[in-house]
Protein backbone atom coordinates (compact mmCIF):
# COMPACT_ATOMS: atom_id res chain seq x y z
CA UNK A 1 154.02 123.23 97.94
CA UNK A 2 151.05 121.36 96.46
CA UNK A 3 148.42 119.79 98.68
CA UNK A 4 147.86 116.42 98.33
CA UNK A 5 144.84 115.17 96.65
CA UNK A 6 142.02 114.22 99.28
CA UNK A 7 141.77 110.59 99.97
CA UNK A 8 144.58 109.85 97.80
CA UNK A 9 146.10 106.54 97.79
CA UNK A 10 149.28 105.39 95.89
CA UNK A 11 148.95 101.56 94.91
CA UNK A 12 151.19 100.21 92.38
CA UNK A 13 151.95 96.65 90.61
CA UNK A 14 155.59 95.59 91.68
CA UNK A 15 157.88 93.73 89.00
CA UNK A 16 158.75 90.28 91.05
CA UNK A 17 160.48 87.84 88.81
CA UNK A 18 163.08 86.49 91.11
CA UNK A 19 163.33 85.47 94.80
CA UNK A 20 165.90 88.50 95.40
CA UNK A 21 163.08 91.00 93.74
CA UNK A 22 160.73 89.47 96.30
CA UNK A 23 163.01 90.05 99.31
CA UNK A 24 163.72 93.53 98.19
CA UNK A 25 160.14 94.54 98.08
CA UNK A 26 159.32 92.71 101.24
CA UNK A 27 162.19 94.23 103.19
CA UNK A 28 160.94 97.82 102.00
CA UNK A 29 157.61 97.27 104.34
CA UNK A 30 159.80 97.10 107.31
CA UNK A 31 159.02 93.37 107.65
CA UNK A 32 160.82 91.13 110.43
CA UNK A 33 164.15 90.13 108.31
CA UNK A 34 163.84 86.66 109.64
CA UNK A 35 160.44 86.12 107.71
CA UNK A 36 161.65 87.68 104.42
CA UNK A 37 163.11 84.30 103.00
CA UNK A 38 159.65 82.57 104.02
CA UNK A 39 157.84 85.16 102.50
CA UNK A 40 159.75 85.73 99.18
CA UNK A 41 159.63 82.15 98.22
CA UNK A 42 155.63 82.53 98.30
CA UNK A 43 155.83 85.76 96.07
CA UNK A 44 157.76 84.20 92.93
CA UNK A 45 155.37 81.90 90.80
CA UNK A 46 156.79 79.58 88.27
CA UNK A 47 155.26 77.36 85.47
CA UNK A 48 156.98 74.09 85.07
CA UNK A 49 156.26 71.82 82.04
CA UNK A 50 156.94 68.14 82.70
CA UNK A 51 156.52 65.63 79.44
CA UNK A 52 155.21 62.47 78.80
CA UNK A 53 154.50 60.96 82.23
CA UNK A 54 152.22 58.12 83.43
CA UNK A 55 148.29 59.17 83.65
CA UNK A 56 148.28 57.97 87.02
CA UNK A 57 151.26 60.05 88.28
CA UNK A 58 149.61 63.02 86.46
CA UNK A 59 146.94 62.62 88.39
CA UNK A 60 148.64 62.50 91.74
CA UNK A 61 150.53 65.91 90.59
CA UNK A 62 147.03 67.46 89.77
CA UNK A 63 145.51 66.40 93.26
CA UNK A 64 148.56 67.33 95.45
CA UNK A 65 149.04 70.56 93.50
CA UNK A 66 145.39 71.51 93.92
CA UNK A 67 145.62 70.73 97.92
CA UNK A 68 148.59 72.99 97.87
CA UNK A 69 146.67 75.89 96.58
CA UNK A 70 148.42 75.75 92.85
CA UNK A 71 147.02 74.38 89.78
CA UNK A 72 148.24 71.61 87.35
CA UNK A 73 146.64 71.14 83.51
CA UNK A 74 146.69 67.68 82.51
CA UNK A 75 145.47 65.38 79.52
CA UNK A 76 141.54 65.14 79.32
CA UNK A 77 142.44 61.21 79.22
CA UNK A 78 143.57 61.70 82.93
CA UNK A 79 140.11 62.22 84.33
CA UNK A 80 138.68 59.37 82.78
CA UNK A 81 141.71 57.14 83.93
CA UNK A 82 142.97 56.12 80.47
CA UNK A 83 146.32 54.07 80.52
CA UNK A 84 148.78 56.32 78.73
CA UNK A 85 151.10 59.31 79.03
CA UNK A 86 150.66 62.54 78.80
CA UNK A 87 152.37 66.03 79.68
CA UNK A 88 151.60 68.07 82.62
CA UNK A 89 151.71 71.82 83.24
CA UNK A 90 152.16 72.80 86.52
CA UNK A 91 151.44 76.65 88.25
CA UNK A 92 152.42 77.55 91.67
CA UNK A 93 154.82 79.66 93.99
CA UNK A 94 158.41 78.42 94.85
CA UNK A 95 156.86 77.56 98.09
CA UNK A 96 154.26 75.16 96.54
CA UNK A 97 156.34 73.65 94.31
CA UNK A 98 158.64 72.72 96.96
CA UNK A 99 156.13 71.12 98.76
CA UNK A 100 154.93 69.27 95.94
CA UNK A 101 158.26 67.92 95.16
CA UNK A 102 158.68 66.70 98.75
CA UNK A 103 155.37 65.09 98.60
CA UNK A 104 155.96 63.56 95.06
CA UNK A 105 159.40 62.05 96.38
CA UNK A 106 157.23 59.54 98.28
CA UNK A 107 154.96 58.52 95.59
CA UNK A 108 154.71 55.66 93.07
CA UNK A 109 154.48 55.34 89.15
CA UNK A 110 158.05 57.17 88.76
CA UNK A 111 157.34 60.29 90.54
CA UNK A 112 160.37 60.01 92.82
CA UNK A 113 162.52 60.74 89.79
CA UNK A 114 160.13 63.43 88.65
CA UNK A 115 160.38 65.34 91.80
CA UNK A 116 164.13 65.13 91.52
CA UNK A 117 163.84 66.44 87.96
CA UNK A 118 161.57 69.13 88.70
CA UNK A 119 164.16 70.20 92.01
CA UNK A 120 167.14 70.20 89.54
CA UNK A 121 165.08 71.99 86.54
CA UNK A 122 164.14 74.80 89.11
CA UNK A 123 167.63 75.13 90.63
CA UNK A 124 169.07 75.36 87.12
CA UNK A 125 166.53 78.10 86.47
CA UNK A 126 167.45 80.23 89.28
CA UNK A 127 171.39 79.94 88.73
CA UNK A 128 173.04 83.17 87.76
CA UNK A 129 176.62 82.69 88.24
CA UNK A 130 178.64 79.86 86.47
CA UNK A 131 182.08 78.54 86.07
CA UNK A 132 183.26 77.76 82.62
CA UNK A 133 186.56 75.56 82.25
CA UNK A 134 188.64 75.57 78.90
CA UNK A 135 191.81 74.04 79.03
CA UNK A 136 194.08 75.63 81.65
CA UNK A 137 191.51 78.45 81.91
CA UNK A 138 188.43 79.09 84.25
CA UNK A 139 186.27 82.11 83.88
CA UNK A 140 183.34 83.12 86.10
CA UNK A 141 180.52 84.00 84.25
CA UNK A 142 177.13 85.73 85.06
CA UNK A 143 178.37 88.83 86.49
CA UNK A 144 178.39 90.76 83.24
CA UNK A 145 177.67 89.85 79.79
CA UNK A 146 180.80 88.38 77.88
CA UNK A 147 181.44 89.31 74.15
CA UNK A 148 182.73 86.81 71.34
CA UNK A 149 184.44 88.69 68.43
CA UNK A 150 183.45 86.58 65.04
CA UNK A 151 186.62 86.19 62.93
CA UNK A 152 185.65 84.59 59.80
CA UNK A 153 188.55 83.74 57.79
CA UNK A 154 186.87 82.34 54.67
CA UNK A 155 186.08 83.77 51.16
CA UNK A 156 182.23 83.30 51.22
CA UNK A 157 180.59 84.26 54.69
CA UNK A 158 177.33 85.59 54.72
CA UNK A 159 178.54 89.24 56.27
CA UNK A 160 182.34 89.49 55.77
CA UNK A 161 183.23 86.87 53.24
CA UNK A 162 186.63 87.59 51.93
CA UNK A 163 187.36 90.52 54.35
CA UNK A 164 189.76 88.46 56.62
CA UNK A 165 190.93 85.62 54.54
CA UNK A 166 194.23 86.99 54.45
CA UNK A 167 196.10 85.92 57.82
CA UNK A 168 197.56 89.36 58.15
CA UNK A 169 194.18 90.96 57.90
CA UNK A 170 192.57 88.53 60.35
CA UNK A 171 195.22 88.79 62.86
CA UNK A 172 195.08 92.53 63.08
CA UNK A 173 191.09 92.47 63.36
CA UNK A 174 191.22 90.24 66.04
CA UNK A 175 193.50 92.44 67.93
CA UNK A 176 191.27 95.35 67.04
CA UNK A 177 188.39 93.36 68.67
CA UNK A 178 190.15 92.55 71.58
CA UNK A 179 191.12 96.23 72.12
CA UNK A 180 187.32 96.99 71.75
CA UNK A 181 186.39 94.54 74.64
CA UNK A 182 185.80 91.10 73.16
CA UNK A 183 186.55 88.75 75.72
CA UNK A 184 186.67 85.86 73.34
CA UNK A 185 187.57 85.51 69.48
CA UNK A 186 185.77 82.97 67.64
CA UNK A 187 187.70 81.71 64.46
CA UNK A 188 185.84 79.87 61.53
CA UNK A 189 187.33 78.63 58.32
CA UNK A 190 183.95 77.37 56.52
CA UNK A 191 180.99 79.34 56.25
CA UNK A 192 177.99 78.03 57.59
CA UNK A 193 175.58 80.29 55.93
CA UNK A 194 172.44 78.65 54.67
CA UNK A 195 173.40 76.63 51.44
CA UNK A 196 176.76 76.88 52.13
CA UNK A 197 178.98 73.84 50.67
CA UNK A 198 181.19 72.06 53.03
CA UNK A 199 185.24 72.54 52.54
CA UNK A 200 187.66 70.04 53.23
CA UNK A 201 189.31 69.52 56.90
CA UNK A 202 192.74 70.32 55.17
CA UNK A 203 191.50 73.33 53.65
CA UNK A 204 190.04 74.51 56.70
CA UNK A 205 193.05 73.54 58.72
CA UNK A 206 195.08 75.92 56.30
CA UNK A 207 192.74 78.86 56.93
CA UNK A 208 192.63 78.80 60.45
CA UNK A 209 195.80 77.28 62.21
CA UNK A 210 198.17 80.56 61.07
CA UNK A 211 195.94 82.87 62.50
CA UNK A 212 195.11 80.94 65.64
CA UNK A 213 198.75 80.50 66.27
CA UNK A 214 199.62 84.29 65.51
CA UNK A 215 196.78 85.64 67.85
CA UNK A 216 197.72 83.21 70.82
CA UNK A 217 201.42 83.66 70.46
CA UNK A 218 201.03 87.50 70.84
CA UNK A 219 198.36 87.76 73.54
CA UNK A 220 196.53 85.22 76.34
CA UNK A 221 193.39 85.79 74.27
CA UNK A 222 190.80 83.06 74.76
CA UNK A 223 190.24 81.74 70.98
CA UNK A 224 187.33 79.57 69.92
CA UNK A 225 187.11 77.53 66.95
CA UNK A 226 184.09 77.53 64.89
CA UNK A 227 184.04 73.95 63.48
CA UNK A 228 182.37 70.49 63.54
CA UNK A 229 185.10 68.52 62.42
CA UNK A 230 187.25 66.52 64.90
CA UNK A 231 190.63 66.98 62.99
CA UNK A 232 190.38 70.78 62.41
CA UNK A 233 189.31 71.09 66.22
CA UNK A 234 192.58 68.97 67.24
CA UNK A 235 194.59 71.50 64.94
CA UNK A 236 193.12 74.41 66.38
CA UNK A 237 193.57 73.33 69.86
CA UNK A 238 197.18 72.41 68.92
CA UNK A 239 197.67 75.92 67.72
CA UNK A 240 196.48 77.58 71.05
CA UNK A 241 192.68 77.64 70.87
CA UNK A 242 190.83 76.45 74.09
CA UNK A 243 187.09 76.42 73.01
CA UNK A 244 185.36 74.24 70.25
CA UNK A 245 182.33 76.00 68.73
CA UNK A 246 180.45 72.94 67.40
CA UNK A 247 177.30 73.59 65.37
CA UNK A 248 176.17 70.20 65.00
CA UNK A 249 176.01 69.87 69.02
CA UNK A 250 178.94 67.01 69.19
CA UNK A 251 176.79 64.76 66.67
CA UNK A 252 179.30 64.77 64.07
CA UNK A 253 181.86 61.97 63.41
CA UNK A 254 180.14 59.38 65.73
CA UNK A 255 181.33 60.71 69.00
CA UNK A 256 184.92 61.74 67.62
CA UNK A 257 184.37 65.48 68.53
CA UNK A 258 183.48 64.63 72.31
CA UNK A 259 186.72 62.53 72.48
CA UNK A 260 188.92 65.49 71.17
CA UNK A 261 187.13 67.87 73.47
CA UNK A 262 187.61 65.40 76.55
CA UNK A 263 191.27 64.89 75.40
CA UNK A 264 192.16 68.45 75.58
CA UNK A 265 189.81 69.41 78.40
CA UNK A 266 188.59 72.11 76.02
CA UNK A 267 185.48 74.34 76.52
CA UNK A 268 182.90 73.60 74.23
CA UNK A 269 179.77 75.52 72.90
CA UNK A 270 176.97 72.90 72.08
CA UNK A 271 174.68 74.32 69.51
CA UNK A 272 171.22 73.21 68.21
CA UNK A 273 170.98 73.17 64.12
CA UNK A 274 168.09 71.45 62.42
CA UNK A 275 169.19 69.92 59.15
CA UNK A 276 172.75 70.90 57.89
CA UNK A 277 173.67 74.54 56.40
CA UNK A 278 172.85 73.11 53.05
CA UNK A 279 169.02 72.08 54.20
CA UNK A 280 168.65 73.62 57.36
CA UNK A 281 166.26 76.65 55.81
CA UNK A 282 164.20 74.25 53.90
CA UNK A 283 160.94 74.33 56.02
CA UNK A 284 162.20 74.18 59.45
CA UNK A 285 159.52 72.71 61.67
CA UNK A 286 159.19 72.41 65.46
CA UNK A 287 156.33 71.18 67.75
CA UNK A 288 157.46 73.86 70.33
CA UNK A 289 160.44 75.63 69.18
CA UNK A 290 162.13 76.58 72.69
CA UNK A 291 160.94 72.92 74.19
CA UNK A 292 162.02 71.12 71.27
CA UNK A 293 165.61 73.00 71.32
CA UNK A 294 165.94 72.68 75.06
CA UNK A 295 165.27 68.83 74.72
CA UNK A 296 167.96 68.52 72.39
CA UNK A 297 170.52 70.65 74.48
CA UNK A 298 169.89 68.62 77.60
CA UNK A 299 170.29 65.46 75.67
CA UNK A 300 173.62 66.58 74.09
CA UNK A 301 174.93 67.71 77.68
CA UNK A 302 174.05 64.20 78.81
CA UNK A 303 175.99 62.90 75.82
CA UNK A 304 179.03 64.97 76.51
CA UNK A 305 178.87 63.90 80.10
CA UNK A 306 179.16 60.20 79.12
CA UNK A 307 181.99 61.01 76.93
CA UNK A 308 183.99 62.39 79.81
CA UNK A 309 183.12 66.04 79.31
CA UNK A 310 182.58 68.15 82.42
CA UNK A 311 179.25 70.28 82.86
CA UNK A 312 181.78 73.21 83.72
CA UNK A 313 183.29 72.94 80.26
CA UNK A 314 179.98 73.43 78.31
CA UNK A 315 178.19 76.26 77.09
CA UNK A 316 175.00 75.99 75.16
CA UNK A 317 173.68 77.99 72.00
CA UNK A 318 169.81 77.76 70.44
CA UNK A 319 171.41 78.31 67.07
CA UNK A 320 169.57 81.75 65.83
CA UNK A 321 169.07 81.29 62.20
CA UNK A 322 170.28 77.53 61.94
CA UNK A 323 167.13 75.86 60.88
CA UNK A 324 164.69 78.41 62.17
CA UNK A 325 162.18 80.85 60.53
CA UNK A 326 161.81 84.65 61.32
CA UNK A 327 159.01 83.53 63.67
CA UNK A 328 161.30 80.70 65.07
CA UNK A 329 164.17 83.25 65.92
CA UNK A 330 162.01 85.79 67.57
CA UNK A 331 160.45 83.08 69.64
CA UNK A 332 163.74 82.12 70.81
CA UNK A 333 164.80 85.33 71.74
CA UNK A 334 161.32 86.34 73.59
CA UNK A 335 161.62 82.89 75.59
CA UNK A 336 165.16 83.00 76.12
CA UNK A 337 164.87 82.59 79.89
CA UNK A 338 163.44 79.25 79.42
CA UNK A 339 166.97 77.83 78.26
CA UNK A 340 168.32 78.23 81.56
CA UNK A 341 167.01 75.08 82.61
CA UNK A 342 169.86 73.47 80.71
CA UNK A 343 172.05 74.75 83.83
CA UNK A 344 174.47 76.03 81.64
CA UNK A 345 175.40 79.47 80.30
CA UNK A 346 173.70 80.57 77.18
CA UNK A 347 175.48 81.76 74.09
CA UNK A 348 173.37 83.90 71.48
CA UNK A 349 174.87 84.75 67.88
CA UNK A 350 172.03 86.76 66.03
CA UNK A 351 174.56 89.23 64.55
CA UNK A 352 173.91 90.29 61.38
CA UNK A 353 171.58 87.27 60.19
CA UNK A 354 168.68 87.21 57.73
CA UNK A 355 165.93 87.41 60.33
CA UNK A 356 167.10 90.83 61.29
CA UNK A 357 167.36 91.70 57.45
CA UNK A 358 163.47 90.60 57.26
CA UNK A 359 162.56 92.87 59.99
CA UNK A 360 164.52 95.70 58.50
CA UNK A 361 162.98 96.17 55.46
CA UNK A 362 165.47 93.76 53.49
CA UNK A 363 168.50 95.39 55.00
CA UNK A 364 171.81 93.84 53.65
CA UNK A 365 174.30 92.12 56.04
CA UNK A 366 176.59 95.26 56.44
CA UNK A 367 173.33 97.43 57.18
CA UNK A 368 172.26 95.30 60.31
CA UNK A 369 174.35 96.54 63.16
CA UNK A 370 171.58 98.47 65.05
CA UNK A 371 169.37 95.61 64.59
CA UNK A 372 171.93 93.35 65.75
CA UNK A 373 172.82 95.39 68.97
CA UNK A 374 168.95 95.25 69.70
CA UNK A 375 169.09 91.51 69.55
CA UNK A 376 172.05 91.30 71.50
CA UNK A 377 170.23 93.50 74.57
CA UNK A 378 167.21 91.38 74.08
CA UNK A 379 169.35 88.08 74.71
CA UNK A 380 171.20 89.74 77.58
CA UNK A 381 167.79 90.62 79.16
CA UNK A 382 166.64 86.89 78.65
CA UNK A 383 169.61 85.52 80.52
CA UNK A 384 172.12 85.00 78.00
CA UNK A 385 175.93 85.22 79.03
CA UNK A 386 177.89 85.54 75.99
CA UNK A 387 176.92 87.22 72.88
CA UNK A 388 178.57 86.17 69.64
CA UNK A 389 179.13 89.23 67.49
CA UNK A 390 180.55 91.38 64.41
CA UNK A 391 180.29 94.71 65.76
CA UNK A 392 182.28 94.35 69.06
CA UNK A 393 182.56 98.21 70.45
CA UNK A 394 179.13 99.07 69.79
CA UNK A 395 177.80 95.91 71.52
CA UNK A 396 180.25 96.33 74.39
CA UNK A 397 178.86 100.18 74.87
CA UNK A 398 175.42 98.95 74.78
CA UNK A 399 175.87 96.00 76.96
CA UNK A 400 177.64 97.96 79.72
CA UNK A 401 174.28 100.29 79.83
CA UNK A 402 172.16 97.43 80.05
CA UNK A 403 174.09 95.60 82.70
CA UNK A 404 174.00 98.91 84.62
CA UNK A 405 170.22 99.06 84.43
CA UNK A 406 169.62 95.31 85.39
CA UNK A 407 172.16 95.21 88.07
CA UNK A 408 170.63 94.95 91.55
């Protein structure tokens, strides 16, 4: 047996990103169990960004956070008492942020509303388990990653256009994906690749309804319809679909899609897209890609609620590849955890997209499987609940390993 080195002391840095991580670490020391929860909230830090608040309110936040031992960054205009609005970046432990919001709730200049928004945002961010309602079905989400198999019944999709535009082949492929472990089948009748031209609702319905009907007649499969057109969504829901995957975030048709989702009590995926499929890749620009998209998703969730759609009916999708550059797409995946502040399960669809081809030395769509799996794993590590993919079997296996690694 080797002798220990003289004066050796083992010191390490522990990875703590959640209260659960902190509680486990504190418990390992043999600390009094009654003190674990109190100490854990002091061990986890968060950075909270608040947009466009009165400079007087920003000054109060700055001073209160400093008094608690935290920090807050404000515009230089705040220190000279200039009448304006500015953003505030607040840095502190969960314990400090809790004390801050308690203090702010008794302050003027709209700080009571600010405090409530911060509390709500932090609660959303910490959420890991969700309920998702779609028609008569209710799913628990968060305990494991779910897989949505892509079924394009189109002649011109970027990855597999024409392979499944025959209804019989499409249905066979759907059941193959279900056997491979897909939790959902997402059926699309119009290509939304960059530069794609729209098709008529009548043609889209002709393509998708026989396929959806055949799938749902033979199995209790969860089927979503990838469309932004209310008439198409209505036909798909009548045929047995229970989720509407809308790339426009319920913006098309002046609220008509929201009314369809409400009427059928369907689930809906609210996605972000800058521009339209024909224009979205023409110089997309963001002030802050994650911040801008989160603001859009929160606004669309509020719009859905105003139109009778419950929060439990909503999934959110940052829209990888829809009006984003390579750098934007990578930033979204790198910062995906930030999207948890919406309070709803996150869907990511990066499978075979062109940014992967750009990373992989120009690999064509059918040669991007491994890159697609890598992006799915990155998305899951960042908090995604649903991965929308072409290669179901391989992705299911990779996610099973990832889920085992991250389970604790």
